[in-house]
Amino acid sequence: MRLVVPIALAAAGVVHLLPLSGVLGGERLLALYGVAIDEPNLTLLLQHRALLFGLLGAFMLGAAFRPAWQAAALVAGLISLTSFLLLAALVGHVNPPLMRVVWIDLLLLPGLAAAGIVLVRQHA
């Protein structure tokens, strides 16, 4: 049971690091999300998003090895996953690359939720 939290955080951390390559520009963003970005301001916003995902991923990965960070990292990860899933559900139809992100988030969500339960029980 003591490995549930670090494994869940490490898995979510690695997945959140993957979009970091989007900071390289429009071609990488197209490969990641299947959306052509031909407006410089939108490119900037998505590059910034990629950087923030990288920071979140690094935080979760670090928290896998630093128990003092784990609660905050789990909350941040759960907010990230559930907010994207909720937004995708509200949009309805998403393209295949974004649907892949939906499925990955759906796979990660139970692990992070279980890790949260384990962490709460450890501190109760």
N, C-alpha and C. Protein backbone atom coordinates (compact mmCIF):
# COMPACT_ATOMS: atom_id res chain seq x y z
N MET A 1 0.82 -1.21 0.00
CA MET A 1 0.00 0.00 0.00
C MET A 1 0.86 1.26 0.00
N ARG A 2 2.04 1.17 0.56
CA ARG A 2 2.86 2.37 0.65
C ARG A 2 3.38 2.84 -0.71
N LEU A 3 3.29 1.99 -1.72
CA LEU A 3 3.75 2.37 -3.06
C LEU A 3 2.66 2.95 -3.94
N VAL A 4 1.41 2.87 -3.49
CA VAL A 4 0.29 3.35 -4.31
C VAL A 4 0.45 4.84 -4.63
N VAL A 5 0.74 5.64 -3.62
CA VAL A 5 0.85 7.08 -3.82
C VAL A 5 2.03 7.43 -4.73
N PRO A 6 3.24 6.93 -4.44
CA PRO A 6 4.35 7.28 -5.34
C PRO A 6 4.17 6.79 -6.78
N ILE A 7 3.62 5.60 -6.96
CA ILE A 7 3.43 5.08 -8.31
C ILE A 7 2.39 5.90 -9.06
N ALA A 8 1.28 6.23 -8.41
CA ALA A 8 0.24 7.04 -9.07
C ALA A 8 0.78 8.42 -9.43
N LEU A 9 1.53 9.03 -8.52
CA LEU A 9 2.08 10.36 -8.80
C LEU A 9 3.14 10.30 -9.91
N ALA A 10 3.96 9.28 -9.90
CA ALA A 10 4.98 9.15 -10.94
C ALA A 10 4.33 8.96 -12.31
N ALA A 11 3.32 8.11 -12.37
CA ALA A 11 2.63 7.87 -13.65
C ALA A 11 1.98 9.15 -14.15
N ALA A 12 1.25 9.83 -13.29
CA ALA A 12 0.60 11.08 -13.69
C ALA A 12 1.64 12.15 -14.02
N GLY A 13 2.73 12.18 -13.30
CA GLY A 13 3.79 13.15 -13.56
C GLY A 13 4.39 12.96 -14.94
N VAL A 14 4.69 11.71 -15.28
CA VAL A 14 5.27 11.43 -16.61
C VAL A 14 4.29 11.84 -17.71
N VAL A 15 3.02 11.50 -17.53
CA VAL A 15 2.02 11.85 -18.55
C VAL A 15 1.90 13.37 -18.69
N HIS A 16 1.98 14.09 -17.58
CA HIS A 16 1.88 15.55 -17.65
C HIS A 16 3.16 16.19 -18.22
N LEU A 17 4.26 15.46 -18.22
CA LEU A 17 5.48 15.98 -18.84
C LEU A 17 5.45 15.87 -20.37
N LEU A 18 4.69 14.94 -20.90
CA LEU A 18 4.68 14.69 -22.35
C LEU A 18 4.32 15.93 -23.18
N PRO A 19 3.33 16.73 -22.78
CA PRO A 19 2.99 17.92 -23.59
C PRO A 19 4.05 19.02 -23.54
N LEU A 20 5.06 18.86 -22.70
CA LEU A 20 6.11 19.88 -22.60
C LEU A 20 6.77 20.15 -23.95
N SER A 21 6.80 19.15 -24.81
CA SER A 21 7.40 19.34 -26.13
C SER A 21 6.66 20.39 -26.95
N GLY A 22 5.44 20.73 -26.55
CA GLY A 22 4.67 21.76 -27.23
C GLY A 22 5.30 23.14 -27.17
N VAL A 23 6.24 23.36 -26.24
CA VAL A 23 6.91 24.67 -26.18
C VAL A 23 7.76 24.89 -27.43
N LEU A 24 8.05 23.83 -28.18
CA LEU A 24 8.87 23.94 -29.39
C LEU A 24 8.13 24.58 -30.56
N GLY A 25 6.79 24.72 -30.44
CA GLY A 25 6.07 25.45 -31.47
C GLY A 25 4.94 24.69 -32.13
N GLY A 26 4.45 25.29 -33.20
CA GLY A 26 3.24 24.83 -33.87
C GLY A 26 3.29 23.41 -34.39
N GLU A 27 4.43 22.98 -34.93
CA GLU A 27 4.50 21.61 -35.46
C GLU A 27 4.33 20.58 -34.35
N ARG A 28 4.96 20.82 -33.21
CA ARG A 28 4.83 19.90 -32.08
C ARG A 28 3.41 19.93 -31.55
N LEU A 29 2.81 21.11 -31.49
CA LEU A 29 1.43 21.22 -31.00
C LEU A 29 0.47 20.48 -31.93
N LEU A 30 0.71 20.57 -33.23
CA LEU A 30 -0.10 19.83 -34.20
C LEU A 30 0.04 18.33 -33.96
N ALA A 31 1.26 17.86 -33.75
CA ALA A 31 1.48 16.44 -33.50
C ALA A 31 0.82 16.00 -32.20
N LEU A 32 0.84 16.83 -31.19
CA LEU A 32 0.25 16.48 -29.89
C LEU A 32 -1.27 16.46 -29.93
N TYR A 33 -1.86 17.46 -30.54
CA TYR A 33 -3.30 17.68 -30.40
C TYR A 33 -4.09 17.59 -31.71
N GLY A 34 -3.41 17.45 -32.83
CA GLY A 34 -4.11 17.33 -34.09
C GLY A 34 -4.83 18.61 -34.51
N VAL A 35 -4.32 19.73 -34.05
CA VAL A 35 -4.94 21.02 -34.35
C VAL A 35 -3.87 21.92 -34.95
N ALA A 36 -4.13 22.42 -36.16
CA ALA A 36 -3.19 23.34 -36.81
C ALA A 36 -3.30 24.70 -36.13
N ILE A 37 -2.17 25.20 -35.69
CA ILE A 37 -2.13 26.49 -35.02
C ILE A 37 -1.43 27.47 -35.96
N ASP A 38 -2.20 28.35 -36.59
CA ASP A 38 -1.60 29.29 -37.53
C ASP A 38 -1.77 30.74 -37.07
N GLU A 39 -2.04 30.93 -35.80
CA GLU A 39 -2.17 32.27 -35.26
C GLU A 39 -1.13 32.39 -34.13
N PRO A 40 -0.19 33.33 -34.22
CA PRO A 40 0.92 33.41 -33.28
C PRO A 40 0.49 33.54 -31.81
N ASN A 41 -0.59 34.24 -31.56
CA ASN A 41 -1.03 34.41 -30.17
C ASN A 41 -1.56 33.11 -29.59
N LEU A 42 -2.25 32.33 -30.42
CA LEU A 42 -2.72 31.02 -29.98
C LEU A 42 -1.55 30.08 -29.74
N THR A 43 -0.54 30.17 -30.62
CA THR A 43 0.67 29.37 -30.42
C THR A 43 1.30 29.71 -29.08
N LEU A 44 1.41 30.99 -28.78
CA LEU A 44 1.99 31.43 -27.51
C LEU A 44 1.21 30.86 -26.33
N LEU A 45 -0.11 30.95 -26.38
CA LEU A 45 -0.94 30.44 -25.28
C LEU A 45 -0.75 28.94 -25.10
N LEU A 46 -0.70 28.20 -26.19
CA LEU A 46 -0.53 26.75 -26.09
C LEU A 46 0.88 26.37 -25.67
N GLN A 47 1.87 27.16 -26.07
CA GLN A 47 3.23 26.92 -25.59
C GLN A 47 3.30 27.15 -24.07
N HIS A 48 2.64 28.18 -23.62
CA HIS A 48 2.61 28.46 -22.18
C HIS A 48 1.89 27.33 -21.43
N ARG A 49 0.81 26.83 -22.01
CA ARG A 49 0.09 25.69 -21.44
C ARG A 49 1.01 24.49 -21.33
N ALA A 50 1.79 24.25 -22.39
CA ALA A 50 2.73 23.13 -22.39
C ALA A 50 3.76 23.28 -21.27
N LEU A 51 4.24 24.50 -21.08
CA LEU A 51 5.20 24.75 -20.01
C LEU A 51 4.58 24.51 -18.64
N LEU A 52 3.35 24.97 -18.45
CA LEU A 52 2.67 24.75 -17.17
C LEU A 52 2.43 23.27 -16.91
N PHE A 53 2.08 22.51 -17.95
CA PHE A 53 1.94 21.07 -17.79
C PHE A 53 3.27 20.45 -17.40
N GLY A 54 4.35 20.93 -17.99
CA GLY A 54 5.67 20.44 -17.61
C GLY A 54 5.98 20.70 -16.16
N LEU A 55 5.65 21.88 -15.68
CA LEU A 55 5.86 22.20 -14.27
C LEU A 55 5.02 21.30 -13.37
N LEU A 56 3.76 21.11 -13.74
CA LEU A 56 2.89 20.24 -12.95
C LEU A 56 3.42 18.81 -12.96
N GLY A 57 3.85 18.34 -14.12
CA GLY A 57 4.40 16.99 -14.22
C GLY A 57 5.65 16.83 -13.36
N ALA A 58 6.53 17.81 -13.41
CA ALA A 58 7.75 17.76 -12.60
C ALA A 58 7.41 17.77 -11.11
N PHE A 59 6.42 18.57 -10.73
CA PHE A 59 5.99 18.62 -9.33
C PHE A 59 5.45 17.26 -8.88
N MET A 60 4.59 16.65 -9.70
CA MET A 60 4.03 15.35 -9.33
C MET A 60 5.11 14.28 -9.29
N LEU A 61 6.02 14.33 -10.23
CA LEU A 61 7.11 13.36 -10.25
C LEU A 61 8.00 13.53 -9.01
N GLY A 62 8.30 14.76 -8.68
CA GLY A 62 9.08 15.03 -7.47
C GLY A 62 8.34 14.60 -6.22
N ALA A 63 7.03 14.81 -6.19
CA ALA A 63 6.23 14.44 -5.03
C ALA A 63 6.19 12.93 -4.81
N ALA A 64 6.41 12.17 -5.87
CA ALA A 64 6.46 10.72 -5.72
C ALA A 64 7.56 10.33 -4.74
N PHE A 65 8.57 11.17 -4.61
CA PHE A 65 9.72 10.86 -3.74
C PHE A 65 9.81 11.77 -2.53
N ARG A 66 8.89 12.72 -2.41
CA ARG A 66 8.89 13.65 -1.27
C ARG A 66 7.50 13.64 -0.64
N PRO A 67 7.33 12.85 0.41
CA PRO A 67 6.00 12.72 1.03
C PRO A 67 5.36 14.05 1.43
N ALA A 68 6.14 15.04 1.79
CA ALA A 68 5.56 16.32 2.21
C ALA A 68 4.84 17.02 1.05
N TRP A 69 5.16 16.69 -0.17
CA TRP A 69 4.54 17.32 -1.34
C TRP A 69 3.35 16.53 -1.86
N GLN A 70 3.15 15.33 -1.39
CA GLN A 70 2.20 14.41 -2.02
C GLN A 70 0.76 14.87 -2.00
N ALA A 71 0.30 15.41 -0.90
CA ALA A 71 -1.11 15.84 -0.83
C ALA A 71 -1.37 16.94 -1.85
N ALA A 72 -0.50 17.94 -1.89
CA ALA A 72 -0.69 19.05 -2.84
C ALA A 72 -0.61 18.55 -4.28
N ALA A 73 0.32 17.64 -4.55
CA ALA A 73 0.47 17.12 -5.91
C ALA A 73 -0.74 16.30 -6.32
N LEU A 74 -1.29 15.53 -5.40
CA LEU A 74 -2.49 14.76 -5.71
C LEU A 74 -3.67 15.67 -6.01
N VAL A 75 -3.84 16.70 -5.22
CA VAL A 75 -4.94 17.64 -5.46
C VAL A 75 -4.75 18.31 -6.82
N ALA A 76 -3.53 18.77 -7.11
CA ALA A 76 -3.27 19.42 -8.39
C ALA A 76 -3.52 18.46 -9.56
N GLY A 77 -3.07 17.23 -9.42
CA GLY A 77 -3.28 16.24 -10.47
C GLY A 77 -4.74 15.91 -10.68
N LEU A 78 -5.47 15.75 -9.59
CA LEU A 78 -6.90 15.46 -9.70
C LEU A 78 -7.66 16.61 -10.33
N ILE A 79 -7.29 17.83 -9.98
CA ILE A 79 -7.94 18.99 -10.59
C ILE A 79 -7.62 19.03 -12.08
N SER A 80 -6.38 18.78 -12.44
CA SER A 80 -5.99 18.80 -13.84
C SER A 80 -6.77 17.77 -14.65
N LEU A 81 -6.79 16.53 -14.15
CA LEU A 81 -7.48 15.46 -14.89
C LEU A 81 -8.98 15.70 -14.98
N THR A 82 -9.60 15.97 -13.85
CA THR A 82 -11.06 16.10 -13.86
C THR A 82 -11.52 17.34 -14.63
N SER A 83 -10.75 18.41 -14.55
CA SER A 83 -11.17 19.62 -15.29
C SER A 83 -11.10 19.38 -16.79
N PHE A 84 -10.05 18.70 -17.26
CA PHE A 84 -9.97 18.41 -18.69
C PHE A 84 -11.10 17.48 -19.12
N LEU A 85 -11.35 16.45 -18.32
CA LEU A 85 -12.42 15.51 -18.67
C LEU A 85 -13.78 16.21 -18.69
N LEU A 86 -14.02 17.07 -17.74
CA LEU A 86 -15.28 17.82 -17.71
C LEU A 86 -15.40 18.74 -18.92
N LEU A 87 -14.34 19.46 -19.23
CA LEU A 87 -14.37 20.34 -20.39
C LEU A 87 -14.56 19.56 -21.69
N ALA A 88 -13.89 18.42 -21.81
CA ALA A 88 -14.05 17.59 -23.01
C ALA A 88 -15.49 17.09 -23.12
N ALA A 89 -16.09 16.73 -22.00
CA ALA A 89 -17.48 16.27 -22.02
C ALA A 89 -18.42 17.40 -22.43
N LEU A 90 -18.14 18.61 -21.97
CA LEU A 90 -18.98 19.76 -22.32
C LEU A 90 -18.86 20.10 -23.80
N VAL A 91 -17.66 19.96 -24.35
CA VAL A 91 -17.45 20.23 -25.77
C VAL A 91 -18.16 19.19 -26.61
N GLY A 92 -18.09 17.95 -26.14
CA GLY A 92 -18.74 16.87 -26.88
C GLY A 92 -17.75 16.16 -27.77
N HIS A 93 -17.83 16.39 -29.04
CA HIS A 93 -16.94 15.71 -29.99
C HIS A 93 -15.55 16.34 -29.96
N VAL A 94 -14.53 15.51 -29.72
CA VAL A 94 -13.15 15.98 -29.80
C VAL A 94 -12.43 15.13 -30.85
N ASN A 95 -11.38 15.67 -31.42
CA ASN A 95 -10.65 14.96 -32.47
C ASN A 95 -9.90 13.75 -31.88
N PRO A 96 -9.43 12.83 -32.71
CA PRO A 96 -8.77 11.62 -32.21
C PRO A 96 -7.56 11.87 -31.30
N PRO A 97 -6.66 12.83 -31.59
CA PRO A 97 -5.56 13.05 -30.65
C PRO A 97 -6.05 13.52 -29.27
N LEU A 98 -7.07 14.35 -29.24
CA LEU A 98 -7.60 14.79 -27.95
C LEU A 98 -8.37 13.67 -27.27
N MET A 99 -9.00 12.81 -28.05
CA MET A 99 -9.69 11.66 -27.47
C MET A 99 -8.68 10.73 -26.80
N ARG A 100 -7.49 10.64 -27.37
CA ARG A 100 -6.43 9.85 -26.74
C ARG A 100 -6.09 10.44 -25.36
N VAL A 101 -6.05 11.77 -25.26
CA VAL A 101 -5.79 12.43 -23.98
C VAL A 101 -6.93 12.12 -23.00
N VAL A 102 -8.16 12.15 -23.49
CA VAL A 102 -9.31 11.81 -22.64
C VAL A 102 -9.13 10.41 -22.07
N TRP A 103 -8.80 9.44 -22.92
CA TRP A 103 -8.65 8.05 -22.45
C TRP A 103 -7.50 7.91 -21.46
N ILE A 104 -6.40 8.59 -21.72
CA ILE A 104 -5.27 8.53 -20.79
C ILE A 104 -5.67 9.12 -19.44
N ASP A 105 -6.35 10.25 -19.46
CA ASP A 105 -6.80 10.86 -18.21
C ASP A 105 -7.79 9.96 -17.47
N LEU A 106 -8.69 9.31 -18.23
CA LEU A 106 -9.63 8.37 -17.60
C LEU A 106 -8.90 7.19 -16.96
N LEU A 107 -7.79 6.77 -17.55
CA LEU A 107 -7.00 5.68 -16.97
C LEU A 107 -6.23 6.13 -15.74
N LEU A 108 -5.76 7.37 -15.74
CA LEU A 108 -5.00 7.87 -14.60
C LEU A 108 -5.87 8.24 -13.40
N LEU A 109 -7.08 8.66 -13.66
CA LEU A 109 -7.96 9.17 -12.60
C LEU A 109 -8.19 8.18 -11.46
N PRO A 110 -8.53 6.92 -11.71
CA PRO A 110 -8.73 6.00 -10.58
C PRO A 110 -7.46 5.81 -9.74
N GLY A 111 -6.31 5.80 -10.38
CA GLY A 111 -5.05 5.65 -9.64
C GLY A 111 -4.80 6.83 -8.72
N LEU A 112 -5.02 8.04 -9.23
CA LEU A 112 -4.83 9.22 -8.38
C LEU A 112 -5.88 9.27 -7.27
N ALA A 113 -7.11 8.89 -7.60
CA ALA A 113 -8.15 8.86 -6.56
C ALA A 113 -7.81 7.84 -5.48
N ALA A 114 -7.36 6.66 -5.89
CA ALA A 114 -6.96 5.64 -4.91
C ALA A 114 -5.78 6.14 -4.07
N ALA A 115 -4.84 6.81 -4.70
CA ALA A 115 -3.70 7.35 -3.96
C ALA A 115 -4.17 8.39 -2.94
N GLY A 116 -5.15 9.19 -3.33
CA GLY A 116 -5.70 10.17 -2.39
C GLY A 116 -6.33 9.50 -1.20
N ILE A 117 -7.07 8.43 -1.43
CA ILE A 117 -7.71 7.69 -0.33
C ILE A 117 -6.64 7.10 0.57
N VAL A 118 -5.62 6.50 -0.02
CA VAL A 118 -4.52 5.93 0.77
C VAL A 118 -3.85 7.01 1.60
N LEU A 119 -3.58 8.15 1.01
CA LEU A 119 -2.91 9.23 1.72
C LEU A 119 -3.76 9.74 2.88
N VAL A 120 -5.06 9.90 2.66
CA VAL A 120 -5.95 10.34 3.74
C VAL A 120 -5.97 9.32 4.87
N ARG A 121 -6.02 8.06 4.54
CA ARG A 121 -6.04 7.00 5.57
C ARG A 121 -4.72 6.94 6.33
N GLN A 122 -3.62 7.22 5.66
CA GLN A 122 -2.33 7.21 6.34
C GLN A 122 -2.23 8.33 7.37
N HIS A 123 -2.90 9.43 7.10
CA HIS A 123 -2.81 10.57 8.00
C HIS A 123 -3.99 10.68 8.97
N ALA A 124 -4.88 9.70 8.93
CA ALA A 124 -6.04 9.73 9.83
C ALA A 124 -5.70 9.15 11.18
